[in-house]
Amino acid sequence: MRVVVTGATGNIGTSTVRALAADPDVTAITGLARREPGRDADPAGTGADTGKVEWAEADVTDSDLVPLMRGADVVVHLAWLFQPTHRPAVTWDANVVGSSRVFDAAAEAGVPNLVYSSSVGAYSPGPKDRAVDESWPTHGWPGAAYSREKAYVERLLDVFEARNPGCRVVRIRPGFIFERQTASEQRRLFAGPLLPGRLARRDLVPAVPDLPGLRLQALHSADAGEAFRLAATGKARGAFNIAAEPVLDAAELADILGARTVRLPARGVRAALAAAWTLHLVPASPGLFDLALEIPIMDVSRARDELGWTPRHTAREAIEEFLEGLRTGAGRDTPPLSPETGGPMRAREFVTGIGRKP
């Protein structure tokens, strides 16, 4: 079985490549990325299985993807651009137009199986006191570009499935994905260069804001990679929610950090974030903050029952690993995940305008 993975050097991509490389039924993996890792690098930690993996530079917005996909048994589409939040036309081109080009290329190349990384962010606002299944509407939250784009790509997939009934399509909808080695990238994408990683210590965080609607689901990147492996190599089709227990709220986060909770109005916190984003002090937009408070809690039983997926790490373990990675500046040997990507003293992060440029 030959698998093509777009976005193969990112958070989910490296874990997916690692899981696929360990599968004896997978004989070849083509990892596509805008910037290849070093020729001698083993960024996914595949060890003895690195002989299965070849890398190709490809940008989903303008590269000819058909030759790269021809002869593949499965395409796993993970490529996604989170920044610049101040230029949503750029992320729309990469994420929506790019996804459309991936789907069109897979159809033209005759690929019989397509797996796409959707998100909890594709869901319409929903309940926090009960879990919803995959039938919950995927119209997104209109105030966040990320959510709008994820929701629109769901519609693109609806059209793709109608036009290509012979192709098995799987949509994986993960919660928030963390591990130690993603800390440098996620700090860069969402917190920006002004956040000292050493602040993620238990004795330096006095309080966690207890906000109405702050209940989130998370999972470890390795468990996400396993879900994509199962989707790529199995027979299941359709949408699958994936997340680990427990659901994370202010009390759980405070316990992880050894802090106390402080009840705060969401409006005040949002206003502070909006001001920081407008002044280019943080790259995360206030729309992402709104989205976090609006997304529903997902029921993951279908992934367990039909995909055969069970997370090996708890959500708490994923967060604890991530915080440890923040403290140590952890990463992987790929351009998206490398601690060196921000440049000396995070200079390249300042040069790009903190959310102003890719």
Protein backbone atom coordinates (compact mmCIF):
# COMPACT_ATOMS: atom_id res chain seq x y z
CA MET A 1 0.00 0.00 0.00
CA ARG A 2 1.33 3.42 -0.99
CA VAL A 3 0.15 6.45 0.99
CA VAL A 4 0.60 10.11 0.10
CA VAL A 5 0.47 12.53 3.05
CA THR A 6 0.13 16.29 2.55
CA GLY A 7 1.42 18.46 5.38
CA ALA A 8 3.64 15.58 6.40
CA THR A 9 6.15 17.63 8.40
CA GLY A 10 3.66 19.28 10.77
CA ASN A 11 2.09 18.40 14.11
CA ILE A 12 -0.32 15.72 12.91
CA GLY A 13 1.77 14.89 9.85
CA THR A 14 4.88 13.66 11.64
CA SER A 15 2.80 11.44 13.93
CA THR A 16 0.79 10.08 11.00
CA VAL A 17 3.94 9.28 9.03
CA ARG A 18 5.38 7.53 12.08
CA ALA A 19 2.22 5.44 12.56
CA LEU A 20 2.03 4.54 8.86
CA ALA A 21 5.71 3.60 8.71
CA ALA A 22 5.20 1.13 11.56
CA ASP A 23 2.35 -0.60 9.69
CA PRO A 24 3.57 -3.67 7.77
CA ASP A 25 0.80 -3.26 5.20
CA VAL A 26 2.13 0.16 4.22
CA THR A 27 5.00 -0.29 1.78
CA ALA A 28 5.67 3.32 0.72
CA ILE A 29 4.90 6.79 2.05
CA THR A 30 5.30 10.01 0.09
CA GLY A 31 5.41 12.98 2.42
CA LEU A 32 4.51 16.29 0.78
CA ALA A 33 5.48 19.60 2.38
CA ARG A 34 6.33 23.12 1.29
CA ARG A 35 9.80 22.65 2.77
CA GLU A 36 11.41 19.25 3.02
CA PRO A 37 13.23 18.10 6.14
CA GLY A 38 16.94 17.39 5.84
CA ARG A 39 17.76 14.44 3.63
CA ASP A 40 19.30 12.54 6.51
CA ALA A 41 16.73 13.62 9.06
CA ASP A 42 14.23 11.32 10.72
CA PRO A 43 11.69 13.97 11.76
CA ALA A 44 8.85 11.59 12.40
CA GLY A 45 10.89 9.28 14.59
CA THR A 46 10.26 6.35 12.25
CA GLY A 47 13.54 4.66 13.08
CA ALA A 48 14.18 1.50 11.06
CA ASP A 49 11.15 2.20 8.87
CA THR A 50 12.52 5.42 7.34
CA GLY A 51 13.24 3.50 4.14
CA LYS A 52 9.51 3.55 3.46
CA VAL A 53 9.39 7.35 3.47
CA GLU A 54 10.28 9.69 0.63
CA TRP A 55 9.85 13.45 0.73
CA ALA A 56 8.76 15.86 -1.99
CA GLU A 57 8.48 19.62 -1.93
CA ALA A 58 4.95 20.60 -2.92
CA ASP A 59 2.67 23.53 -2.17
CA VAL A 60 -1.02 22.66 -2.35
CA THR A 61 -1.78 26.14 -3.72
CA ASP A 62 0.25 25.89 -6.93
CA SER A 63 2.21 22.62 -7.32
CA ASP A 64 1.20 19.96 -9.84
CA LEU A 65 -0.08 17.35 -7.40
CA VAL A 66 -1.40 14.76 -9.86
CA PRO A 67 1.98 13.12 -10.67
CA LEU A 68 2.75 12.87 -6.96
CA MET A 69 -0.56 11.10 -6.30
CA ARG A 70 -0.70 8.84 -9.32
CA GLY A 71 -0.48 5.20 -8.23
CA ALA A 72 -1.28 5.97 -4.60
CA ASP A 73 -3.76 3.81 -2.71
CA VAL A 74 -4.60 6.54 -0.19
CA VAL A 75 -4.17 10.31 0.09
CA VAL A 76 -4.16 11.72 3.63
CA HIS A 77 -4.72 15.48 3.47
CA LEU A 78 -3.31 17.26 6.53
CA ALA A 79 -1.79 20.45 5.07
CA TRP A 80 -3.14 23.57 6.77
CA LEU A 81 -1.99 27.18 7.28
CA PHE A 82 -2.90 28.87 10.59
CA GLN A 83 -1.13 32.18 10.04
CA PRO A 84 -1.33 35.04 9.13
CA THR A 85 -4.55 35.75 11.03
CA HIS A 86 -4.41 39.38 9.89
CA ARG A 87 -4.64 38.28 6.24
CA PRO A 88 -7.49 35.76 5.97
CA ALA A 89 -7.29 35.79 2.16
CA VAL A 90 -3.89 34.09 2.47
CA THR A 91 -5.16 31.31 4.72
CA TRP A 92 -8.28 30.89 2.56
CA ASP A 93 -6.07 30.36 -0.50
CA ALA A 94 -3.94 27.78 1.28
CA ASN A 95 -6.67 25.97 3.17
CA VAL A 96 -9.79 26.14 1.01
CA VAL A 97 -8.39 26.55 -2.50
CA GLY A 98 -5.48 24.28 -1.59
CA SER A 99 -7.82 21.58 -0.29
CA SER A 100 -9.92 21.84 -3.43
CA ARG A 101 -6.77 21.30 -5.52
CA VAL A 102 -5.82 18.27 -3.41
CA PHE A 103 -9.26 16.71 -3.88
CA ASP A 104 -9.26 17.44 -7.63
CA ALA A 105 -5.78 15.95 -7.99
CA ALA A 106 -6.79 12.81 -6.08
CA ALA A 107 -9.78 12.38 -8.40
CA GLU A 108 -7.71 12.92 -11.55
CA ALA A 109 -5.03 10.51 -10.31
CA GLY A 110 -7.70 7.86 -9.60
CA VAL A 111 -6.87 7.52 -5.90
CA PRO A 112 -9.46 5.14 -4.37
CA ASN A 113 -9.24 6.38 -0.75
CA LEU A 114 -9.11 9.91 0.68
CA VAL A 115 -8.66 10.83 4.36
CA TYR A 116 -9.05 14.45 5.41
CA SER A 117 -8.21 16.17 8.68
CA SER A 118 -11.25 18.23 9.60
CA SER A 119 -11.63 19.58 13.13
CA VAL A 120 -13.91 20.16 16.08
CA GLY A 121 -13.68 23.73 14.79
CA ALA A 122 -15.85 22.79 11.81
CA TYR A 123 -18.85 22.25 14.09
CA SER A 124 -21.55 24.82 14.67
CA PRO A 125 -21.84 26.11 18.25
CA GLY A 126 -23.05 23.36 20.54
CA PRO A 127 -23.54 22.17 24.11
CA LYS A 128 -20.85 21.92 26.75
CA ASP A 129 -22.88 19.75 29.14
CA ARG A 130 -23.40 16.78 26.80
CA ALA A 131 -21.57 15.23 23.87
CA VAL A 132 -22.72 15.46 20.27
CA ASP A 133 -22.05 12.90 17.56
CA GLU A 134 -20.87 13.36 13.99
CA SER A 135 -24.34 14.38 12.78
CA TRP A 136 -24.04 17.76 14.53
CA PRO A 137 -24.07 20.58 11.91
CA THR A 138 -20.70 21.62 10.49
CA HIS A 139 -21.36 25.26 9.66
CA GLY A 140 -18.53 26.50 11.85
CA TRP A 141 -18.26 29.72 13.83
CA PRO A 142 -18.38 32.65 11.35
CA GLY A 143 -16.19 34.92 13.47
CA ALA A 144 -13.07 32.75 13.10
CA ALA A 145 -11.32 32.26 9.76
CA TYR A 146 -10.09 28.82 10.86
CA SER A 147 -13.64 27.66 11.55
CA ARG A 148 -15.06 29.16 8.36
CA GLU A 149 -12.40 27.42 6.32
CA LYS A 150 -12.85 24.04 8.01
CA ALA A 151 -16.61 24.25 7.50
CA TYR A 152 -16.25 25.22 3.84
CA VAL A 153 -13.89 22.33 3.15
CA GLU A 154 -16.53 20.00 4.60
CA ARG A 155 -18.85 21.28 1.83
CA LEU A 156 -16.11 20.71 -0.76
CA LEU A 157 -15.90 17.12 0.44
CA ASP A 158 -19.68 16.75 0.10
CA VAL A 159 -19.34 17.71 -3.56
CA PHE A 160 -16.30 15.47 -4.02
CA GLU A 161 -18.14 12.45 -2.63
CA ALA A 162 -21.15 13.09 -4.87
CA ARG A 163 -18.91 13.32 -7.95
CA ASN A 164 -16.62 10.41 -6.99
CA PRO A 165 -18.84 7.70 -5.50
CA GLY A 166 -16.13 5.08 -6.00
CA CYS A 167 -13.72 6.85 -3.65
CA ARG A 168 -13.88 6.01 0.05
CA VAL A 169 -13.78 9.27 2.02
CA VAL A 170 -12.99 9.60 5.74
CA ARG A 171 -13.21 12.83 7.73
CA ILE A 172 -11.35 12.87 11.04
CA ARG A 173 -12.50 15.64 13.41
CA PRO A 174 -9.96 15.96 16.23
CA GLY A 175 -10.01 18.06 19.34
CA PHE A 176 -6.94 20.13 20.24
CA ILE A 177 -3.75 18.16 19.54
CA PHE A 178 -0.66 18.43 21.73
CA GLU A 179 2.63 16.70 22.51
CA ARG A 180 6.04 17.73 23.76
CA GLN A 181 7.60 18.18 20.31
CA THR A 182 4.87 20.52 19.03
CA ALA A 183 5.42 23.12 21.74
CA SER A 184 7.72 25.43 19.77
CA GLU A 185 5.39 25.54 16.77
CA GLN A 186 2.23 26.08 18.79
CA ARG A 187 3.83 28.77 20.92
CA ARG A 188 4.91 30.51 17.71
CA LEU A 189 1.51 30.19 16.00
CA PHE A 190 -0.77 31.14 18.87
CA ALA A 191 1.16 32.93 21.66
CA GLY A 192 3.90 34.63 19.66
CA PRO A 193 7.50 35.54 20.46
CA LEU A 194 6.74 37.56 23.60
CA LEU A 195 5.79 34.50 25.68
CA PRO A 196 8.74 33.09 27.67
CA GLY A 197 8.44 29.32 27.61
CA ARG A 198 9.81 29.03 31.14
CA LEU A 199 6.57 30.60 32.42
CA ALA A 200 4.88 27.21 31.94
CA ARG A 201 6.11 26.12 35.38
CA ARG A 202 3.76 25.16 38.19
CA ASP A 203 5.25 27.71 40.56
CA LEU A 204 4.98 30.62 38.10
CA VAL A 205 1.29 30.45 37.12
CA PRO A 206 -0.77 31.71 40.07
CA ALA A 207 -4.24 31.44 38.53
CA VAL A 208 -6.23 30.08 35.59
CA PRO A 209 -9.20 32.13 34.34
CA ASP A 210 -12.50 30.34 34.83
CA LEU A 211 -14.51 31.49 31.82
CA PRO A 212 -18.08 30.59 30.91
CA GLY A 213 -17.91 27.92 28.20
CA LEU A 214 -14.27 27.01 28.82
CA ARG A 215 -14.56 23.23 28.33
CA LEU A 216 -12.27 21.72 25.70
CA GLN A 217 -11.20 18.32 24.42
CA ALA A 218 -7.62 17.42 23.63
CA LEU A 219 -5.54 14.43 22.58
CA HIS A 220 -1.93 13.45 22.06
CA SER A 221 -0.45 13.84 18.58
CA ALA A 222 0.61 10.18 18.54
CA ASP A 223 -3.01 9.14 19.12
CA ALA A 224 -4.11 11.43 16.30
CA GLY A 225 -1.54 9.81 14.02
CA GLU A 226 -2.90 6.37 14.91
CA ALA A 227 -6.43 7.48 14.05
CA PHE A 228 -5.25 8.60 10.62
CA ARG A 229 -3.41 5.31 10.12
CA LEU A 230 -6.54 3.36 10.93
CA ALA A 231 -8.58 5.54 8.58
CA ALA A 232 -6.04 5.16 5.77
CA THR A 233 -5.57 1.39 6.00
CA GLY A 234 -9.07 0.27 7.03
CA LYS A 235 -12.50 0.08 5.44
CA ALA A 236 -14.37 2.68 7.51
CA ARG A 237 -15.83 5.73 5.82
CA GLY A 238 -17.56 8.90 6.94
CA ALA A 239 -16.82 11.27 9.81
CA PHE A 240 -15.16 10.40 13.12
CA ASN A 241 -14.68 12.53 16.22
CA ILE A 242 -11.46 11.87 18.13
CA ALA A 243 -10.50 13.18 21.57
CA ALA A 244 -9.24 11.81 24.87
CA GLU A 245 -10.60 12.01 28.39
CA PRO A 246 -10.97 14.02 30.51
CA VAL A 247 -12.73 17.07 29.13
CA LEU A 248 -10.51 20.00 30.13
CA ASP A 249 -12.03 22.86 32.10
CA ALA A 250 -10.54 25.59 34.28
CA ALA A 251 -10.37 23.35 37.35
CA GLU A 252 -8.48 20.61 35.47
CA LEU A 253 -6.05 23.09 33.93
CA ALA A 254 -5.49 24.75 37.30
CA ASP A 255 -4.72 21.37 38.87
CA ILE A 256 -2.17 20.64 36.13
CA LEU A 257 -0.46 23.97 36.78
CA GLY A 258 -0.79 23.88 40.54
CA ALA A 259 -2.80 27.10 40.37
CA ARG A 260 -6.15 28.35 41.53
CA THR A 261 -9.11 29.36 39.40
CA VAL A 262 -10.35 32.93 39.11
CA ARG A 263 -13.81 33.58 37.73
CA LEU A 264 -13.58 36.20 34.97
CA PRO A 265 -16.05 37.52 32.41
CA ALA A 266 -15.32 36.25 28.91
CA ARG A 267 -15.99 39.72 27.51
CA GLY A 268 -13.12 41.28 29.45
CA VAL A 269 -10.62 38.57 28.50
CA ARG A 270 -11.68 38.83 24.87
CA ALA A 271 -11.24 42.60 24.88
CA ALA A 272 -7.70 42.24 26.20
CA LEU A 273 -6.87 39.61 23.57
CA ALA A 274 -8.43 41.72 20.80
CA ALA A 275 -6.31 44.69 21.82
CA ALA A 276 -3.13 42.56 21.88
CA TRP A 277 -3.95 41.07 18.48
CA THR A 278 -4.71 44.48 16.94
CA LEU A 279 -1.37 45.77 18.24
CA HIS A 280 0.42 42.68 16.81
CA LEU A 281 1.51 41.51 20.25
CA VAL A 282 -0.01 38.03 19.81
CA PRO A 283 -0.81 36.11 16.59
CA ALA A 284 -4.00 34.40 17.85
CA SER A 285 -7.10 36.31 16.81
CA PRO A 286 -10.04 37.03 19.13
CA GLY A 287 -12.15 34.94 16.76
CA LEU A 288 -10.20 31.85 17.86
CA PHE A 289 -11.00 32.73 21.47
CA ASP A 290 -14.70 32.96 20.60
CA LEU A 291 -14.49 29.63 18.78
CA ALA A 292 -13.00 27.87 21.81
CA LEU A 293 -15.97 28.95 23.91
CA GLU A 294 -18.56 27.96 21.28
CA ILE A 295 -17.47 24.52 20.02
CA PRO A 296 -19.41 21.53 21.34
CA ILE A 297 -18.17 18.57 23.34
CA MET A 298 -17.78 15.62 20.97
CA ASP A 299 -18.92 12.02 21.39
CA VAL A 300 -16.02 9.79 20.27
CA SER A 301 -17.76 6.42 20.51
CA ARG A 302 -18.01 5.99 16.72
CA ALA A 303 -14.23 6.16 16.37
CA ARG A 304 -13.92 3.49 19.03
CA ASP A 305 -16.61 1.21 17.63
CA GLU A 306 -16.10 1.54 13.87
CA LEU A 307 -12.54 2.79 13.43
CA GLY A 308 -11.12 0.70 16.27
CA TRP A 309 -9.40 3.73 17.79
CA THR A 310 -8.58 4.07 21.47
CA PRO A 311 -6.23 6.82 22.72
CA ARG A 312 -3.19 5.65 24.66
CA HIS A 313 -2.71 9.02 26.35
CA THR A 314 -5.14 11.05 28.42
CA ALA A 315 -5.89 14.67 27.55
CA ARG A 316 -4.12 15.64 30.76
CA GLU A 317 -0.97 13.77 29.73
CA ALA A 318 -0.99 15.52 26.35
CA ILE A 319 -1.21 18.93 28.04
CA GLU A 320 1.50 18.05 30.57
CA GLU A 321 3.83 16.98 27.75
CA PHE A 322 3.11 20.19 25.88
CA LEU A 323 3.88 22.34 28.92
CA GLU A 324 7.13 20.49 29.47
CA GLY A 325 7.97 21.13 25.81
CA LEU A 326 7.29 24.84 26.30
CA ARG A 327 9.69 24.96 29.22
CA THR A 328 12.47 23.23 27.26
CA GLY A 329 11.81 24.65 23.78
CA ALA A 330 11.15 21.19 22.33
CA GLY A 331 10.50 20.48 18.67
CA ARG A 332 11.29 18.18 15.75
CA ASP A 333 13.69 18.39 12.83
CA THR A 334 11.18 19.82 10.37
CA PRO A 335 10.63 23.48 9.37
CA PRO A 336 7.18 23.74 11.03
CA LEU A 337 8.21 22.10 14.30
CA SER A 338 11.83 23.18 14.68
CA PRO A 339 12.67 25.59 17.51
CA GLU A 340 15.08 27.23 15.04
CA THR A 341 12.29 28.33 12.69
CA GLY A 342 11.67 31.52 14.69
CA GLY A 343 15.29 32.55 14.20
CA PRO A 344 17.86 33.79 16.73
CA MET A 345 16.08 35.47 19.65
CA ARG A 346 12.83 34.73 17.72
CA ALA A 347 13.84 37.45 15.26
CA ARG A 348 11.96 35.98 12.28
CA GLU A 349 8.75 35.97 14.30
CA PHE A 350 9.09 39.72 14.87
CA VAL A 351 10.01 40.34 11.21
CA THR A 352 6.84 38.61 10.00
CA GLY A 353 4.78 41.00 12.07
CA ILE A 354 3.30 38.48 14.55
CA GLY A 355 0.30 37.35 12.55
CA ARG A 356 0.82 39.73 9.62
CA LYS A 357 2.77 37.42 7.28
CA PRO A 358 3.06 33.61 6.86
